[in-house]
Amino acid sequence: MKTIDELLAAGVEGKRVFVRADLNVPLADGAITDDGRIRAVLPTVEALAGAGAKVVVASHLGRPKGAPDPAFSLLPAAERLGELLGAPVAFAEDTTGPAAQAAVDGLQPGQVAVIENLRFNPGETSKDDTERGEFADRLAALADVYVGDGFGAVHRGHASVLDLPARLPHYAGYLIGAEVEVLQKLTEDVKRPYAVVLGGAKVSDKLGVIDHLLEKADRILIGGGMAYTFLKAQGHEVGKSLLQEDQVPACRDYLDRAKERGVEFVLPVDVLVAPDFPDLKTKAPAHPTTVAADAIPADEEGLDIGPKTQELYAAKLADAATVFWNGPMGVFEHPDYAGGTKAVARALLDSPAFTVVGGGDSAAAVRLLGFDENAFGHISTGGGASLEYLEGKTLPGLAALKD
């Protein structure tokens, strides 16, 4: 695929450049709680604006149902982008209507505009090729060139990701270039030992990547809510812990296959439990109890990996040459259950390995818990996209950028 450096070398002064970014930031009462994805697209936007382009930034945010919804407006993201750029950013209150057209028409070389949430238009996510294509046609009318830089959306076959690049000269932005380069290090000529840490709520979200990594990884460490389905597959009581009963047979199969292939499949040996899920708003003390992973009381639920598991996982990561981590080890948003996620992050920082934090909640946890994100080898902006890449899937947004 052609790169933004090739575009800049050809010259962009006065050209309208459509940048498909990923500004899908978390919001609380209208305020951004983590601006990592906005900062990730800055190099591309700054380079284009610095070269005299008229930059039109577009993104989705959340999952509105194909109609305007103030709760999912991109206005806070546009304002934050302007703060980070140190320059005014125009904001259009629609996607392809009069406001968007006026915002683009009003741009001078070197200026930036953000159009409203692409998912306010049903054509963005439509499964109908014609409807999606019509929306892509209207977006294409706003620009002369397309730059794809929303890595967090490249696994979606949406109008702005899949159809729009076919209608304009297209290039990969700096973020996508960096993400692909890193992911290639996890799939091609991997330095070993190769350790993978997977967490998060649901094992069903990780089935494909576990299946694929059983062929590639040397050891797989499991934490988070998904660990309890694996513990159940081993025949243990998991109490009120998060459990996907229908996935128990799949987990049992993965454990068997790992043993057959000589892949270390490491599960928690102890967990923190409590009778109820903690209050994440007040952060009231939860007073958890530590129990062995095979001794979870029937009336309590597991909410984080325990101290022995933290030590075990740190030891399993200490000699790794490559580490991929996706998913927190527990309910990291509450201080009483952040210990496991902190321990994994510290183990990555202490390891000489090439470390990749695979986006989503893992990236948010790194920032929320106060770690220096620059100390990691790479922090991805796209959890779902990273996982699908590691599964070996073709990502529509990357395929669309190829000629």
Protein backbone atom coordinates (compact mmCIF):
# COMPACT_ATOMS: atom_id res chain seq x y z
CA MET A 1 0.00 0.00 0.00
CA LYS A 2 1.14 3.56 -0.68
CA THR A 3 2.21 5.59 2.31
CA ILE A 4 1.57 9.12 3.47
CA ASP A 5 5.23 9.91 2.80
CA GLU A 6 4.62 9.18 -0.87
CA LEU A 7 1.61 11.48 -0.81
CA LEU A 8 3.57 14.27 0.87
CA ALA A 9 6.39 13.87 -1.64
CA ALA A 10 3.90 14.34 -4.48
CA GLY A 11 2.57 17.51 -2.84
CA VAL A 12 -0.71 18.20 -1.06
CA GLU A 13 -0.82 21.98 -0.81
CA GLY A 14 -4.40 23.17 -1.30
CA LYS A 15 -5.73 19.62 -1.69
CA ARG A 16 -8.64 18.38 0.41
CA VAL A 17 -7.36 15.29 2.25
CA PHE A 18 -9.92 13.05 3.95
CA VAL A 19 -8.36 11.36 7.00
CA ARG A 20 -10.33 8.40 8.30
CA ALA A 21 -9.20 8.46 11.93
CA ASP A 22 -10.30 6.55 15.00
CA LEU A 23 -11.54 9.14 17.50
CA ASN A 24 -13.69 6.59 19.30
CA VAL A 25 -12.66 7.83 22.74
CA PRO A 26 -14.33 6.93 26.05
CA LEU A 27 -16.59 9.64 27.46
CA ALA A 28 -17.99 10.24 30.94
CA ASP A 29 -20.68 12.92 31.21
CA GLY A 30 -19.47 14.37 27.91
CA ALA A 31 -15.82 14.55 28.98
CA ILE A 32 -13.04 12.49 27.40
CA THR A 33 -11.46 10.11 29.91
CA ASP A 34 -8.67 8.83 27.64
CA ASP A 35 -7.44 10.80 24.61
CA GLY A 36 -4.94 8.17 23.45
CA ARG A 37 -6.63 7.58 20.11
CA ILE A 38 -6.72 11.30 19.33
CA ARG A 39 -3.02 11.65 20.10
CA ALA A 40 -2.31 8.63 17.91
CA VAL A 41 -3.53 10.36 14.75
CA LEU A 42 -1.69 13.62 15.46
CA PRO A 43 1.46 12.80 13.42
CA THR A 44 -0.63 12.26 10.29
CA VAL A 45 -2.82 15.33 10.75
CA GLU A 46 0.13 17.55 11.63
CA ALA A 47 2.16 16.38 8.64
CA LEU A 48 -0.70 17.00 6.21
CA ALA A 49 -1.61 20.39 7.66
CA GLY A 50 2.06 21.38 7.78
CA ALA A 51 2.33 20.59 4.08
CA GLY A 52 -0.61 22.88 3.27
CA ALA A 53 -3.41 20.34 2.88
CA LYS A 54 -6.99 21.10 3.78
CA VAL A 55 -7.52 18.27 6.26
CA VAL A 56 -10.96 16.72 6.75
CA VAL A 57 -10.97 14.32 9.73
CA ALA A 58 -13.75 11.76 10.09
CA SER A 59 -14.47 9.00 12.57
CA HIS A 60 -17.13 7.02 14.37
CA LEU A 61 -17.80 7.15 18.10
CA GLY A 62 -19.80 4.53 19.96
CA ARG A 63 -22.74 2.75 18.40
CA PRO A 64 -25.52 5.19 17.54
CA LYS A 65 -28.31 3.58 15.56
CA GLY A 66 -27.78 5.33 12.23
CA ALA A 67 -29.21 8.66 13.41
CA PRO A 68 -27.90 11.73 15.26
CA ASP A 69 -27.52 11.20 19.00
CA PRO A 70 -25.96 13.97 21.14
CA ALA A 71 -24.47 11.35 23.48
CA PHE A 72 -22.19 10.20 20.64
CA SER A 73 -21.23 13.56 19.14
CA LEU A 74 -17.63 13.97 18.02
CA LEU A 75 -17.57 17.58 19.24
CA PRO A 76 -15.51 16.77 22.40
CA ALA A 77 -12.99 14.88 20.24
CA ALA A 78 -12.79 17.78 17.77
CA GLU A 79 -12.18 20.24 20.59
CA ARG A 80 -9.45 18.02 22.07
CA LEU A 81 -7.82 17.63 18.66
CA GLY A 82 -7.69 21.42 18.38
CA GLU A 83 -6.06 21.68 21.81
CA LEU A 84 -3.42 19.11 20.87
CA LEU A 85 -2.76 20.78 17.51
CA GLY A 86 -2.62 24.20 19.11
CA ALA A 87 -4.85 25.53 16.36
CA PRO A 88 -8.60 25.98 15.76
CA VAL A 89 -10.43 22.98 14.35
CA ALA A 90 -13.71 23.55 12.54
CA PHE A 91 -16.57 21.22 13.43
CA ALA A 92 -19.45 20.25 11.15
CA GLU A 93 -22.68 19.16 12.79
CA ASP A 94 -23.47 16.69 10.01
CA THR A 95 -21.54 14.17 7.92
CA THR A 96 -22.19 15.05 4.27
CA GLY A 97 -24.85 17.77 4.52
CA PRO A 98 -24.67 21.56 4.30
CA ALA A 99 -22.64 21.94 7.52
CA ALA A 100 -19.98 19.51 6.35
CA GLN A 101 -19.78 21.11 2.93
CA ALA A 102 -19.50 24.59 4.46
CA ALA A 103 -16.80 23.47 6.88
CA VAL A 104 -14.73 21.97 4.08
CA ASP A 105 -15.30 24.90 1.74
CA GLY A 106 -14.15 27.26 4.49
CA LEU A 107 -10.80 25.55 4.99
CA GLN A 108 -7.62 27.35 4.04
CA PRO A 109 -4.40 25.42 3.32
CA GLY A 110 -3.05 24.03 6.58
CA GLN A 111 -6.39 24.09 8.39
CA VAL A 112 -8.37 21.16 9.84
CA ALA A 113 -12.05 20.30 10.11
CA VAL A 114 -13.82 17.41 11.82
CA ILE A 115 -17.16 16.19 10.52
CA GLU A 116 -19.79 14.65 12.78
CA ASN A 117 -19.95 10.98 13.76
CA LEU A 118 -20.04 8.87 10.60
CA ARG A 119 -22.39 6.38 12.23
CA PHE A 120 -25.09 9.06 12.45
CA ASN A 121 -25.69 8.07 8.84
CA PRO A 122 -27.11 4.54 8.28
CA GLY A 123 -25.05 4.20 5.11
CA GLU A 124 -21.81 3.97 7.11
CA THR A 125 -22.54 0.57 8.61
CA SER A 126 -25.13 -0.73 6.13
CA LYS A 127 -24.74 -4.28 4.87
CA ASP A 128 -26.35 -3.19 1.61
CA ASP A 129 -23.60 -2.41 -0.92
CA THR A 130 -25.69 0.19 -2.70
CA GLU A 131 -26.61 2.15 0.43
CA ARG A 132 -23.06 2.02 1.67
CA GLY A 133 -21.74 3.06 -1.73
CA GLU A 134 -24.08 6.04 -1.94
CA PHE A 135 -22.82 7.32 1.40
CA ALA A 136 -19.22 6.78 0.25
CA ASP A 137 -20.00 8.83 -2.89
CA ARG A 138 -21.17 11.75 -0.74
CA LEU A 139 -18.07 11.51 1.46
CA ALA A 140 -15.85 11.38 -1.62
CA ALA A 141 -17.33 14.69 -2.79
CA LEU A 142 -15.71 16.36 0.23
CA ALA A 143 -12.15 15.39 -0.71
CA ASP A 144 -9.48 14.90 -3.35
CA VAL A 145 -7.40 12.30 -1.53
CA TYR A 146 -8.04 9.62 1.13
CA VAL A 147 -5.69 8.75 3.97
CA GLY A 148 -6.61 5.75 6.10
CA ASP A 149 -5.33 6.12 9.65
CA GLY A 150 -8.10 4.68 11.84
CA PHE A 151 -6.52 1.36 12.72
CA GLY A 152 -9.20 0.64 15.30
CA ALA A 153 -11.77 0.44 12.50
CA VAL A 154 -9.88 -1.43 9.76
CA HIS A 155 -11.59 -4.72 10.64
CA ARG A 156 -14.97 -3.16 9.76
CA GLY A 157 -16.39 -3.31 6.23
CA HIS A 158 -17.92 0.15 6.58
CA ALA A 159 -18.38 2.86 3.96
CA SER A 160 -15.59 5.15 5.16
CA VAL A 161 -13.21 2.22 5.63
CA LEU A 162 -13.94 -0.09 2.70
CA ASP A 163 -15.84 1.82 0.00
CA LEU A 164 -14.43 5.34 0.18
CA PRO A 165 -10.79 4.42 -0.62
CA ALA A 166 -11.97 2.90 -3.91
CA ARG A 167 -13.33 6.31 -4.94
CA LEU A 168 -10.22 8.40 -4.24
CA PRO A 169 -6.44 8.12 -4.49
CA HIS A 170 -5.62 6.40 -1.22
CA TYR A 171 -2.69 6.17 1.18
CA ALA A 172 -1.91 4.69 4.60
CA GLY A 173 -1.29 7.16 7.42
CA TYR A 174 1.53 6.96 9.93
CA LEU A 175 -0.52 5.15 12.57
CA ILE A 176 -1.66 2.35 10.28
CA GLY A 177 1.87 1.98 8.97
CA ALA A 178 3.23 1.63 12.50
CA GLU A 179 0.50 -0.79 13.61
CA VAL A 180 1.02 -3.11 10.65
CA GLU A 181 4.79 -3.08 11.11
CA VAL A 182 4.40 -4.11 14.75
CA LEU A 183 1.83 -6.82 14.07
CA GLN A 184 4.09 -8.33 11.44
CA LYS A 185 6.66 -8.82 14.23
CA LEU A 186 4.04 -10.92 16.03
CA THR A 187 3.27 -13.09 13.01
CA GLU A 188 6.43 -13.29 10.89
CA ASP A 189 9.87 -14.37 12.14
CA VAL A 190 8.81 -14.02 15.77
CA LYS A 191 11.58 -13.87 18.37
CA ARG A 192 11.11 -16.60 20.96
CA PRO A 193 10.03 -17.41 23.60
CA TYR A 194 6.75 -15.83 22.45
CA ALA A 195 4.34 -15.25 25.33
CA VAL A 196 0.73 -14.10 25.00
CA VAL A 197 -1.35 -12.69 27.86
CA LEU A 198 -5.11 -12.68 27.26
CA GLY A 199 -7.73 -11.24 29.58
CA GLY A 200 -11.00 -9.40 29.42
CA ALA A 201 -14.54 -10.43 30.11
CA LYS A 202 -15.58 -13.02 27.55
CA VAL A 203 -13.69 -16.02 26.25
CA SER A 204 -15.92 -15.96 23.16
CA ASP A 205 -14.25 -12.69 22.11
CA LYS A 206 -10.87 -14.43 22.01
CA LEU A 207 -11.71 -17.84 20.53
CA GLY A 208 -10.30 -17.08 17.10
CA VAL A 209 -7.04 -15.62 18.36
CA ILE A 210 -6.50 -18.47 20.85
CA ASP A 211 -7.08 -20.98 18.07
CA HIS A 212 -4.53 -19.24 15.85
CA LEU A 213 -1.97 -18.62 18.61
CA LEU A 214 -1.92 -22.29 19.58
CA GLU A 215 0.05 -22.67 16.34
CA LYS A 216 2.43 -19.77 17.05
CA ALA A 217 2.88 -18.97 20.75
CA ASP A 218 5.15 -20.76 23.22
CA ARG A 219 2.99 -19.90 26.22
CA ILE A 220 -0.45 -18.40 26.75
CA LEU A 221 -1.43 -16.80 30.06
CA ILE A 222 -5.13 -16.31 30.81
CA GLY A 223 -6.73 -13.81 33.20
CA GLY A 224 -9.78 -11.62 33.52
CA GLY A 225 -13.36 -12.82 33.41
CA MET A 226 -12.57 -15.29 30.64
CA ALA A 227 -10.35 -17.29 33.02
CA TYR A 228 -13.35 -18.67 34.90
CA THR A 229 -14.71 -20.48 31.87
CA PHE A 230 -11.31 -22.20 31.56
CA LEU A 231 -11.33 -23.04 35.27
CA LYS A 232 -14.80 -24.50 34.82
CA ALA A 233 -13.46 -26.57 31.92
CA GLN A 234 -10.95 -28.03 34.37
CA GLY A 235 -13.83 -29.07 36.60
CA HIS A 236 -13.53 -26.34 39.24
CA GLU A 237 -16.30 -24.46 41.02
CA VAL A 238 -16.37 -20.81 39.89
CA GLY A 239 -19.24 -19.52 42.05
CA LYS A 240 -20.87 -16.36 40.73
CA SER A 241 -17.88 -15.54 38.52
CA LEU A 242 -18.40 -14.55 34.92
CA LEU A 243 -18.99 -17.81 33.05
CA GLN A 244 -19.84 -18.67 29.46
CA GLU A 245 -21.19 -22.17 29.97
CA ASP A 246 -21.59 -22.76 26.23
CA GLN A 247 -17.85 -22.18 25.73
CA VAL A 248 -16.69 -24.76 28.29
CA PRO A 249 -16.26 -27.50 25.64
CA ALA A 250 -14.17 -25.15 23.47
CA CYS A 251 -11.99 -24.23 26.44
CA ARG A 252 -11.50 -27.90 27.28
CA ASP A 253 -10.46 -28.52 23.67
CA TYR A 254 -7.94 -25.66 23.76
CA LEU A 255 -6.39 -27.02 26.96
CA ASP A 256 -6.05 -30.45 25.33
CA ARG A 257 -4.58 -29.03 22.13
CA ALA A 258 -2.09 -26.89 24.03
CA LYS A 259 -0.86 -29.97 25.87
CA GLU A 260 -0.54 -31.90 22.62
CA ARG A 261 1.43 -29.10 20.95
CA GLY A 262 3.68 -28.37 23.89
CA VAL A 263 2.27 -24.87 24.40
CA GLU A 264 2.23 -23.75 28.03
CA PHE A 265 -1.35 -22.79 28.87
CA VAL A 266 -1.22 -20.98 32.20
CA LEU A 267 -4.33 -20.32 34.31
CA PRO A 268 -4.68 -18.49 37.64
CA VAL A 269 -3.67 -20.41 40.75
CA ASP A 270 -5.41 -17.95 43.08
CA VAL A 271 -8.01 -15.21 42.69
CA LEU A 272 -9.59 -12.33 44.58
CA VAL A 273 -13.26 -12.97 45.34
CA ALA A 274 -16.15 -11.03 46.86
CA PRO A 275 -19.89 -11.59 47.27
CA ASP A 276 -20.77 -8.74 44.91
CA PHE A 277 -19.39 -6.75 42.00
CA PRO A 278 -17.71 -3.53 43.24
CA ASP A 279 -19.19 -0.05 42.88
CA LEU A 280 -17.12 1.55 40.12
CA LYS A 281 -18.61 5.01 40.63
CA THR A 282 -17.85 5.52 44.30
CA LYS A 283 -14.84 3.15 44.37
CA ALA A 284 -15.99 2.15 47.85
CA PRO A 285 -13.67 -0.38 49.55
CA ALA A 286 -14.56 -3.89 48.41
CA HIS A 287 -12.67 -6.00 51.00
CA PRO A 288 -11.89 -8.97 48.72
CA THR A 289 -10.67 -12.34 49.92
CA THR A 290 -7.88 -14.33 48.28
CA VAL A 291 -8.66 -17.99 47.60
CA ALA A 292 -7.12 -20.78 45.56
CA ALA A 293 -8.42 -20.89 42.01
CA ASP A 294 -9.89 -24.34 42.68
CA ALA A 295 -11.62 -23.18 45.87
CA ILE A 296 -13.90 -20.33 44.82
CA PRO A 297 -16.94 -20.25 47.13
CA ALA A 298 -20.26 -20.93 45.43
CA ASP A 299 -21.70 -17.61 46.65
CA GLU A 300 -18.78 -15.37 45.59
CA GLU A 301 -17.28 -14.19 42.30
CA GLY A 302 -13.72 -13.87 41.09
CA LEU A 303 -12.72 -10.30 40.23
CA ASP A 304 -8.92 -10.36 39.81
CA ILE A 305 -5.98 -12.72 39.76
CA GLY A 306 -4.36 -13.25 43.16
CA PRO A 307 -0.82 -12.47 44.39
CA LYS A 308 0.57 -15.97 43.67
CA THR A 309 -0.76 -15.75 40.12
CA GLN A 310 0.79 -12.31 39.75
CA GLU A 311 4.18 -13.78 40.72
CA LEU A 312 3.67 -16.77 38.44
CA TYR A 313 2.77 -14.62 35.43
CA ALA A 314 5.71 -12.28 36.04
CA ALA A 315 8.01 -15.29 36.06
CA LYS A 316 6.50 -16.62 32.82
CA LEU A 317 7.14 -13.25 31.14
CA ALA A 318 10.63 -12.64 32.53
CA ASP A 319 12.51 -14.66 29.90
CA ALA A 320 10.21 -13.95 26.93
CA ALA A 321 11.61 -12.33 23.79
CA THR A 322 8.19 -11.28 22.45
CA VAL A 323 5.04 -10.52 24.46
CA PHE A 324 1.54 -9.64 23.27
CA TRP A 325 -0.98 -8.56 25.90
CA ASN A 326 -4.67 -8.02 25.28
CA GLY A 327 -7.22 -7.68 28.08
CA PRO A 328 -7.04 -6.74 31.77
CA MET A 329 -6.59 -9.34 34.50
CA GLY A 330 -9.48 -8.08 36.60
CA VAL A 331 -11.81 -5.18 37.29
CA PHE A 332 -8.91 -2.73 37.04
CA GLU A 333 -11.23 0.30 37.27
CA HIS A 334 -11.55 -0.39 41.02
CA PRO A 335 -8.35 -0.02 43.10
CA ASP A 336 -9.00 -3.22 45.06
CA TYR A 337 -8.98 -5.25 41.81
CA ALA A 338 -6.28 -3.45 39.83
CA GLY A 339 -3.38 -5.46 41.25
CA GLY A 340 -3.35 -8.18 38.61
CA THR A 341 -3.40 -5.79 35.69
CA LYS A 342 -0.70 -3.65 37.33
CA ALA A 343 1.44 -6.74 37.86
CA VAL A 344 1.25 -7.74 34.19
CA ALA A 345 2.08 -4.19 33.09
CA ARG A 346 5.09 -4.09 35.42
CA ALA A 347 6.24 -7.50 34.20
CA LEU A 348 6.18 -6.21 30.63
CA LEU A 349 8.18 -3.15 31.63
CA ASP A 350 10.74 -5.33 33.47
CA SER A 351 11.05 -7.77 30.58
CA PRO A 352 13.72 -7.32 27.88
CA ALA A 353 11.13 -8.58 25.39
CA PHE A 354 9.56 -6.68 22.53
CA THR A 355 6.23 -5.86 24.18
CA VAL A 356 2.93 -5.05 22.49
CA VAL A 357 -0.15 -3.92 24.38
CA GLY A 358 -3.06 -4.87 22.16
CA GLY A 359 -5.38 -1.89 22.44
CA GLY A 360 -8.85 -1.66 23.96
CA ASP A 361 -9.12 -1.97 27.75
CA SER A 362 -5.45 -2.96 28.05
CA ALA A 363 -4.29 0.35 26.59
CA ALA A 364 -6.80 2.24 28.72
CA ALA A 365 -5.58 0.40 31.83
CA VAL A 366 -1.94 1.29 31.13
CA ARG A 367 -2.83 4.98 31.06
CA LEU A 368 -5.38 4.86 33.90
CA LEU A 369 -2.96 3.09 36.21
CA GLY A 370 -0.26 5.69 35.58
CA PHE A 371 2.30 3.77 33.53
CA ASP A 372 4.53 5.51 31.01
CA GLU A 373 3.15 4.25 27.71
CA ASN A 374 6.40 5.13 25.95
CA ALA A 375 8.15 2.47 28.03
CA PHE A 376 6.30 -0.30 26.18
CA GLY A 377 7.38 -1.50 22.77
CA HIS A 378 4.04 -0.53 21.25
CA ILE A 379 0.53 0.26 22.45
CA SER A 380 -2.03 -0.50 19.78
CA THR A 381 -5.08 1.68 19.21
CA GLY A 382 -7.20 -1.17 17.93
CA GLY A 383 -7.98 -4.12 20.18
CA GLY A 384 -10.42 -5.84 17.83
CA ALA A 385 -8.35 -5.08 14.76
CA SER A 386 -5.18 -6.38 16.42
CA LEU A 387 -6.89 -9.63 17.41
CA GLU A 388 -8.32 -10.23 13.94
CA TYR A 389 -4.92 -9.55 12.38
CA LEU A 390 -3.37 -12.14 14.71
CA GLU A 391 -6.14 -14.57 13.74
CA GLY A 392 -4.89 -14.30 10.18
CA LYS A 393 -8.04 -12.63 8.90
CA THR A 394 -8.09 -10.19 5.98
CA LEU A 395 -8.95 -6.76 7.37
CA PRO A 396 -11.20 -4.80 4.96
CA GLY A 397 -9.63 -1.44 5.77
CA LEU A 398 -6.11 -2.67 5.03
CA ALA A 399 -7.16 -4.50 1.88
CA ALA A 400 -8.84 -1.33 0.63
CA LEU A 401 -5.61 0.62 0.91
CA LYS A 402 -3.77 -1.76 -1.39
CA ASP A 403 -3.71 -1.12 -5.12
